[in-house]
Amino acid sequence: MKTPQFWQRDSNSLLPQLLTPAAWLYGAVSRFHRSLQKGESVSVPVICIGNVVAGGAGKTPTAVAIARFLLAEGKRPHFLTRGYGGSISEPTRVVLDVHTYQDVGDEPLILAETAPTWVAKDRAAGARAAAEAGADVIIMDDGFQNPSLVKDLSLLVLDAEYGVGNGRLLPAGPLRENLAAGLARADAVILVGNEVSNVLKIQLNNFKPVFASKLAPKPSSEVIGGEKVVAFAGIGRPEKFFASLREVGCELIKCFSYADHHIYNKDEIMTMVEQSSNENAVLVTTRKDYVRLPVEAKMMVTVFDVDMIFEKPDALQPLLLSVQKEG
């Protein structure tokens, strides 16, 4: 679904108030579900990269950055993810050029470019498969609210500017759970972005550690700075992507926003291609959207790639390396 505008902040809109009973029910059911299920522990450490806000916080770039650090330290990290939108349910290792987004979802295809990646609806079964295949640490992309697998280190990713939106639970707001409850289970917070909302400053005031980070364009993406651009994105918050393009100096002629994980049809693609051609502009999208495009469309689209950059990586590294399996 597309992120509703009223999720961003409380306003005079009646929708959040009307949806409050549904939000109470959602919260109660979620807490009850977590209380019933006892997590399974696997033989290797599990690092969970999660959030409390639905969509767009920066979990996947964070997971990739952490995997690269662990690889540089001689570790053998494997990613574990649900594979949202994919048809495969049994624990499966992603094979690039074999699996498609229809099989495993879009994010696993991005993760698999960095380290071995497993999709599994049953996270514990997926973790066991990864360990048996040689992983000495598992990086769980999402699953912070999933109680089926014991986490040895939980990192909560928060968008610094967006914070917790209007502070309400789904569907009245963007929260999967109350931030205080999430912080109680988190070992650290990854704060993404430079401008921190006042609400978030207050809520994180007594929480440590907090690691500041930002999404920065890769050198290969900076070359489109100064170009006229037609941009499109089907992610949690497309406006973040459009803002990043402006920051590198792109002149945005037209922006097309779609729901998260949107599957593009031929008419939508041709409309955007024709718009960019008529304006003599570059057609640009995110890596996550790119992997969902048909092969013929990929040849007409430029990808704007980003990396997660930590303000003080030396402070985060000891925490990651300290994770050991108890028992």
Protein backbone atom coordinates (compact mmCIF):
# COMPACT_ATOMS: atom_id res chain seq x y z
CA MET A 1 0.00 0.00 0.00
CA LYS A 2 0.98 3.64 -0.42
CA THR A 3 1.92 5.41 2.80
CA PRO A 4 -1.05 7.62 3.79
CA GLN A 5 -0.31 11.30 4.29
CA PHE A 6 -2.09 11.35 7.65
CA TRP A 7 0.47 8.87 9.00
CA GLN A 8 3.14 11.56 8.93
CA ARG A 9 1.74 13.74 11.69
CA ASP A 10 -1.45 14.20 13.67
CA SER A 11 -3.64 16.75 11.99
CA ASN A 12 -7.28 17.74 11.87
CA SER A 13 -8.02 14.63 9.81
CA LEU A 14 -10.72 12.42 11.27
CA LEU A 15 -9.20 9.24 9.83
CA PRO A 16 -6.71 8.57 12.65
CA GLN A 17 -9.48 8.94 15.23
CA LEU A 18 -11.86 6.74 13.24
CA LEU A 19 -9.18 4.06 12.89
CA THR A 20 -8.15 4.12 16.55
CA PRO A 21 -10.33 1.12 17.57
CA ALA A 22 -8.74 -0.93 14.77
CA ALA A 23 -5.30 0.19 16.00
CA TRP A 24 -6.12 -0.96 19.55
CA LEU A 25 -7.18 -4.34 18.17
CA TYR A 26 -4.02 -4.60 16.05
CA GLY A 27 -1.83 -3.83 19.07
CA ALA A 28 -3.62 -6.32 21.30
CA VAL A 29 -3.44 -9.12 18.74
CA SER A 30 0.27 -8.44 18.07
CA ARG A 31 1.15 -8.52 21.76
CA PHE A 32 -0.88 -11.69 22.28
CA HIS A 33 0.86 -13.38 19.32
CA ARG A 34 4.32 -12.52 20.66
CA SER A 35 3.42 -13.73 24.13
CA LEU A 36 2.31 -17.15 22.87
CA GLN A 37 5.36 -18.04 20.81
CA LYS A 38 8.65 -19.07 22.37
CA GLY A 39 11.63 -18.22 20.20
CA GLU A 40 13.91 -20.94 18.90
CA SER A 41 17.66 -20.53 19.30
CA VAL A 42 20.05 -21.62 16.55
CA SER A 43 23.74 -22.54 16.69
CA VAL A 44 25.10 -19.22 15.38
CA PRO A 45 24.48 -15.59 16.46
CA VAL A 46 21.51 -13.78 14.95
CA ILE A 47 21.69 -10.01 14.36
CA CYS A 48 18.23 -8.57 13.71
CA ILE A 49 17.85 -5.35 11.71
CA GLY A 50 14.32 -4.12 12.37
CA ASN A 51 12.06 -1.17 12.95
CA VAL A 52 8.81 -0.16 14.56
CA VAL A 53 7.58 1.91 11.61
CA ALA A 54 6.04 0.33 8.53
CA GLY A 55 8.25 0.86 5.50
CA GLY A 56 11.06 3.13 4.44
CA ALA A 57 13.35 3.31 7.47
CA GLY A 58 16.51 2.00 5.79
CA LYS A 59 16.72 -1.57 7.10
CA THR A 60 18.08 -3.16 3.93
CA PRO A 61 20.96 -0.65 3.39
CA THR A 62 21.81 -1.07 7.09
CA ALA A 63 21.88 -4.85 6.73
CA VAL A 64 24.14 -4.60 3.68
CA ALA A 65 26.54 -2.22 5.45
CA ILE A 66 26.80 -4.54 8.46
CA ALA A 67 27.36 -7.58 6.24
CA ARG A 68 30.19 -5.80 4.43
CA PHE A 69 31.87 -4.97 7.71
CA LEU A 70 31.59 -8.57 8.94
CA LEU A 71 32.93 -9.87 5.63
CA ALA A 72 35.93 -7.55 5.95
CA GLU A 73 36.53 -9.05 9.39
CA GLY A 74 36.67 -12.57 7.96
CA LYS A 75 33.17 -13.57 9.05
CA ARG A 76 30.74 -15.62 6.96
CA PRO A 77 27.44 -13.72 7.28
CA HIS A 78 24.26 -14.97 5.64
CA PHE A 79 21.12 -12.87 5.26
CA LEU A 80 17.73 -14.17 6.38
CA THR A 81 14.51 -12.53 5.22
CA ARG A 82 10.87 -13.41 4.74
CA GLY A 83 10.95 -12.66 1.01
CA TYR A 84 7.89 -10.39 1.02
CA GLY A 85 5.87 -10.78 -2.18
CA GLY A 86 7.67 -13.93 -3.30
CA SER A 87 5.98 -17.26 -3.98
CA ILE A 88 8.63 -19.46 -2.32
CA SER A 89 7.80 -20.40 1.26
CA GLU A 90 10.26 -23.17 2.15
CA PRO A 91 13.79 -22.11 3.24
CA THR A 92 15.58 -21.34 -0.02
CA ARG A 93 18.95 -19.82 -0.82
CA VAL A 94 18.60 -17.04 -3.39
CA VAL A 95 20.43 -17.64 -6.67
CA LEU A 96 20.90 -14.52 -8.77
CA ASP A 97 20.02 -14.95 -12.46
CA VAL A 98 17.83 -17.90 -11.47
CA HIS A 99 15.35 -16.53 -8.94
CA THR A 100 13.17 -13.53 -9.78
CA TYR A 101 11.28 -11.08 -7.59
CA GLN A 102 8.19 -13.20 -8.26
CA ASP A 103 10.01 -16.10 -6.56
CA VAL A 104 11.71 -14.42 -3.61
CA GLY A 105 10.60 -10.77 -3.50
CA ASP A 106 12.66 -7.70 -4.37
CA GLU A 107 14.85 -7.08 -1.30
CA PRO A 108 16.45 -10.58 -1.27
CA LEU A 109 17.76 -9.95 -4.78
CA ILE A 110 19.55 -6.86 -3.48
CA LEU A 111 20.90 -8.62 -0.38
CA ALA A 112 22.19 -11.57 -2.43
CA GLU A 113 24.59 -9.26 -4.28
CA THR A 114 26.55 -8.89 -1.02
CA ALA A 115 26.27 -12.22 0.84
CA PRO A 116 24.39 -15.54 0.73
CA THR A 117 20.71 -14.86 1.27
CA TRP A 118 17.92 -17.11 2.50
CA VAL A 119 14.20 -16.54 2.19
CA ALA A 120 11.91 -18.39 4.57
CA LYS A 121 8.43 -17.79 5.88
CA ASP A 122 9.54 -19.84 8.92
CA ARG A 123 12.45 -17.74 10.18
CA ALA A 124 13.77 -20.43 12.55
CA ALA A 125 13.86 -22.99 9.74
CA GLY A 126 15.64 -20.47 7.52
CA ALA A 127 18.20 -19.75 10.22
CA ARG A 128 18.90 -23.46 10.67
CA ALA A 129 19.39 -23.84 6.92
CA ALA A 130 21.82 -20.90 6.83
CA ALA A 131 23.83 -22.29 9.75
CA GLU A 132 24.01 -25.73 8.13
CA ALA A 133 25.22 -24.10 4.90
CA GLY A 134 28.20 -22.50 6.66
CA ALA A 135 27.02 -19.18 8.08
CA ASP A 136 28.82 -18.15 11.27
CA VAL A 137 26.49 -15.18 11.81
CA ILE A 138 22.97 -14.52 10.51
CA ILE A 139 21.76 -11.03 9.61
CA MET A 140 17.99 -10.99 9.83
CA ASP A 141 16.57 -8.26 7.60
CA ASP A 142 13.29 -7.33 9.30
CA GLY A 143 11.58 -9.64 11.79
CA PHE A 144 11.97 -7.43 14.86
CA GLN A 145 8.35 -8.20 15.78
CA ASN A 146 8.67 -11.89 14.84
CA PRO A 147 9.08 -13.96 18.02
CA SER A 148 9.90 -17.30 16.36
CA LEU A 149 13.69 -16.82 16.38
CA VAL A 150 15.89 -15.75 19.29
CA LYS A 151 17.93 -12.65 18.43
CA ASP A 152 21.39 -12.22 19.94
CA LEU A 153 21.61 -8.55 18.90
CA SER A 154 18.66 -6.37 17.89
CA LEU A 155 19.28 -3.10 16.05
CA LEU A 156 16.32 -0.76 15.68
CA VAL A 157 16.47 1.41 12.55
CA LEU A 158 14.69 4.78 12.68
CA ASP A 159 14.33 7.52 10.09
CA ALA A 160 15.60 10.58 11.96
CA GLU A 161 13.28 13.09 10.31
CA TYR A 162 10.13 10.97 10.01
CA GLY A 163 10.52 9.52 13.49
CA VAL A 164 7.34 7.65 14.42
CA GLY A 165 5.03 9.71 12.21
CA ASN A 166 1.82 10.55 14.03
CA GLY A 167 2.77 8.09 16.80
CA ARG A 168 -0.25 5.83 16.27
CA LEU A 169 -0.42 2.08 15.67
CA LEU A 170 -1.47 0.57 12.35
CA PRO A 171 -3.79 1.35 10.63
CA ALA A 172 -4.31 4.72 12.36
CA GLY A 173 -0.59 5.43 11.99
CA PRO A 174 2.66 3.81 10.80
CA LEU A 175 3.67 2.01 14.00
CA ARG A 176 3.95 -1.78 14.15
CA GLU A 177 4.31 -1.38 17.90
CA ASN A 178 4.83 1.38 20.44
CA LEU A 179 8.34 2.85 20.25
CA ALA A 180 8.89 2.39 24.00
CA ALA A 181 8.11 -1.32 23.66
CA GLY A 182 10.50 -1.60 20.73
CA LEU A 183 13.28 0.20 22.57
CA ALA A 184 12.85 -2.16 25.49
CA ARG A 185 13.86 -5.08 23.24
CA ALA A 186 16.52 -3.24 21.24
CA ASP A 187 20.25 -3.34 21.98
CA ALA A 188 21.00 -0.25 19.90
CA VAL A 189 19.37 2.27 17.57
CA ILE A 190 20.54 3.14 14.06
CA LEU A 191 19.36 6.68 13.37
CA VAL A 192 19.23 7.43 9.63
CA GLY A 193 19.44 11.05 8.45
CA ASN A 194 20.73 14.41 9.63
CA GLU A 195 17.57 16.22 10.73
CA VAL A 196 16.23 14.58 13.87
CA SER A 197 12.61 15.28 14.76
CA ASN A 198 12.01 16.87 18.15
CA VAL A 199 9.68 14.03 19.13
CA LEU A 200 12.39 11.47 18.41
CA LYS A 201 15.00 13.49 20.35
CA ILE A 202 12.79 13.33 23.43
CA GLN A 203 12.01 9.63 23.08
CA LEU A 204 15.66 8.65 22.57
CA ASN A 205 16.97 10.99 25.25
CA ASN A 206 17.73 8.25 27.78
CA PHE A 207 18.44 5.44 25.33
CA LYS A 208 22.00 4.33 24.54
CA PRO A 209 23.67 3.50 22.28
CA VAL A 210 22.42 5.46 19.27
CA PHE A 211 24.49 5.32 16.08
CA ALA A 212 24.03 8.14 13.58
CA SER A 213 24.10 7.28 9.88
CA LYS A 214 23.03 8.58 6.49
CA LEU A 215 22.26 7.27 3.03
CA ALA A 216 24.79 8.60 0.53
CA PRO A 217 24.81 8.09 -3.26
CA LYS A 218 27.41 5.74 -4.64
CA PRO A 219 30.01 7.42 -6.90
CA SER A 220 28.39 5.71 -9.89
CA SER A 221 25.11 7.47 -9.07
CA GLU A 222 26.57 10.94 -8.59
CA VAL A 223 27.17 11.24 -12.34
CA ILE A 224 23.50 12.13 -12.90
CA GLY A 225 23.89 15.26 -10.77
CA GLY A 226 22.86 18.29 -12.82
CA GLU A 227 20.84 16.19 -15.26
CA LYS A 228 17.15 16.55 -16.02
CA VAL A 229 15.43 13.57 -14.47
CA VAL A 230 12.11 11.77 -14.56
CA ALA A 231 12.02 9.70 -11.37
CA PHE A 232 9.78 6.89 -10.19
CA ALA A 233 9.66 4.81 -7.02
CA GLY A 234 7.46 2.18 -5.40
CA ILE A 235 8.95 2.16 -1.90
CA GLY A 236 7.77 3.00 1.60
CA ARG A 237 8.33 6.74 1.23
CA PRO A 238 9.16 7.74 -2.36
CA GLU A 239 9.63 11.38 -1.34
CA LYS A 240 12.90 10.42 0.38
CA PHE A 241 14.22 9.10 -2.92
CA PHE A 242 13.16 12.24 -4.79
CA ALA A 243 14.81 14.42 -2.13
CA SER A 244 18.07 12.46 -2.55
CA LEU A 245 18.03 13.15 -6.27
CA ARG A 246 17.60 16.87 -5.63
CA GLU A 247 20.48 16.80 -3.15
CA VAL A 248 22.91 15.64 -5.85
CA GLY A 249 21.72 18.42 -8.16
CA CYS A 250 19.17 16.66 -10.35
CA GLU A 251 16.44 18.73 -11.96
CA LEU A 252 13.29 16.70 -11.35
CA ILE A 253 10.95 17.14 -14.29
CA LYS A 254 8.37 14.62 -13.13
CA CYS A 255 8.02 12.25 -10.15
CA PHE A 256 5.90 9.10 -10.23
CA SER A 257 5.01 7.60 -6.83
CA TYR A 258 3.69 4.08 -6.36
CA ALA A 259 2.88 1.80 -3.44
CA ASP A 260 5.68 -0.16 -1.77
CA HIS A 261 6.65 -3.28 -3.80
CA HIS A 262 4.55 -2.06 -6.74
CA ILE A 263 4.60 -4.31 -9.82
CA TYR A 264 4.91 -2.15 -12.94
CA ASN A 265 2.77 -2.87 -15.98
CA LYS A 266 3.68 -2.06 -19.59
CA ASP A 267 1.44 1.02 -19.77
CA GLU A 268 3.03 2.57 -16.67
CA ILE A 269 6.53 1.90 -17.95
CA MET A 270 5.81 3.31 -21.41
CA THR A 271 4.22 6.44 -19.92
CA MET A 272 7.39 7.13 -17.93
CA VAL A 273 9.69 6.28 -20.84
CA GLU A 274 7.77 8.62 -23.15
CA GLN A 275 7.80 11.40 -20.54
CA SER A 276 11.57 11.17 -20.15
CA SER A 277 12.10 10.99 -23.91
CA ASN A 278 9.90 14.04 -24.57
CA GLU A 279 11.77 16.03 -21.91
CA ASN A 280 15.21 14.74 -22.98
CA ALA A 281 15.58 13.56 -19.38
CA VAL A 282 17.10 10.52 -17.67
CA LEU A 283 14.61 7.98 -16.33
CA VAL A 284 15.78 7.09 -12.82
CA THR A 285 14.60 4.72 -10.10
CA THR A 286 15.80 2.90 -6.98
CA ARG A 287 17.63 -0.43 -6.93
CA LYS A 288 14.62 -2.00 -5.22
CA ASP A 289 12.33 -0.87 -8.04
CA TYR A 290 14.85 -1.83 -10.72
CA VAL A 291 14.82 -5.51 -9.77
CA ARG A 292 11.03 -5.57 -10.30
CA LEU A 293 11.23 -4.28 -13.87
CA PRO A 294 10.99 -6.48 -16.98
CA VAL A 295 14.33 -7.09 -18.70
CA GLU A 296 13.44 -4.89 -21.67
CA ALA A 297 12.54 -1.98 -19.39
CA LYS A 298 15.81 -2.19 -17.43
CA MET A 299 17.74 -1.08 -20.50
CA MET A 300 15.87 2.23 -20.48
CA VAL A 301 16.27 3.01 -16.77
CA THR A 302 19.16 4.35 -14.67
CA VAL A 303 19.53 3.14 -11.09
CA PHE A 304 20.31 5.58 -8.29
CA ASP A 305 22.26 3.48 -5.79
CA VAL A 306 23.02 4.47 -2.21
CA ASP A 307 25.24 3.23 0.61
CA MET A 308 24.70 3.43 4.35
CA ILE A 309 27.44 5.54 5.93
CA PHE A 310 27.90 5.48 9.70
CA GLU A 311 29.06 8.67 11.41
CA LYS A 312 31.25 6.73 13.86
CA PRO A 313 31.80 3.23 12.46
CA ASP A 314 34.52 2.52 15.00
CA ALA A 315 31.91 2.79 17.76
CA LEU A 316 29.54 0.29 16.12
CA GLN A 317 32.14 -2.31 15.16
CA PRO A 318 32.96 -3.55 18.69
CA LEU A 319 29.25 -4.12 19.34
CA LEU A 320 28.90 -6.24 16.20
CA LEU A 321 32.04 -8.25 16.91
CA SER A 322 31.03 -8.85 20.52
CA VAL A 323 28.01 -10.92 19.50
CA GLN A 324 28.62 -14.49 20.60
CA LYS A 325 26.31 -17.45 20.87
CA GLU A 326 25.41 -18.15 24.49
CA GLY A 327 25.76 -21.72 25.56
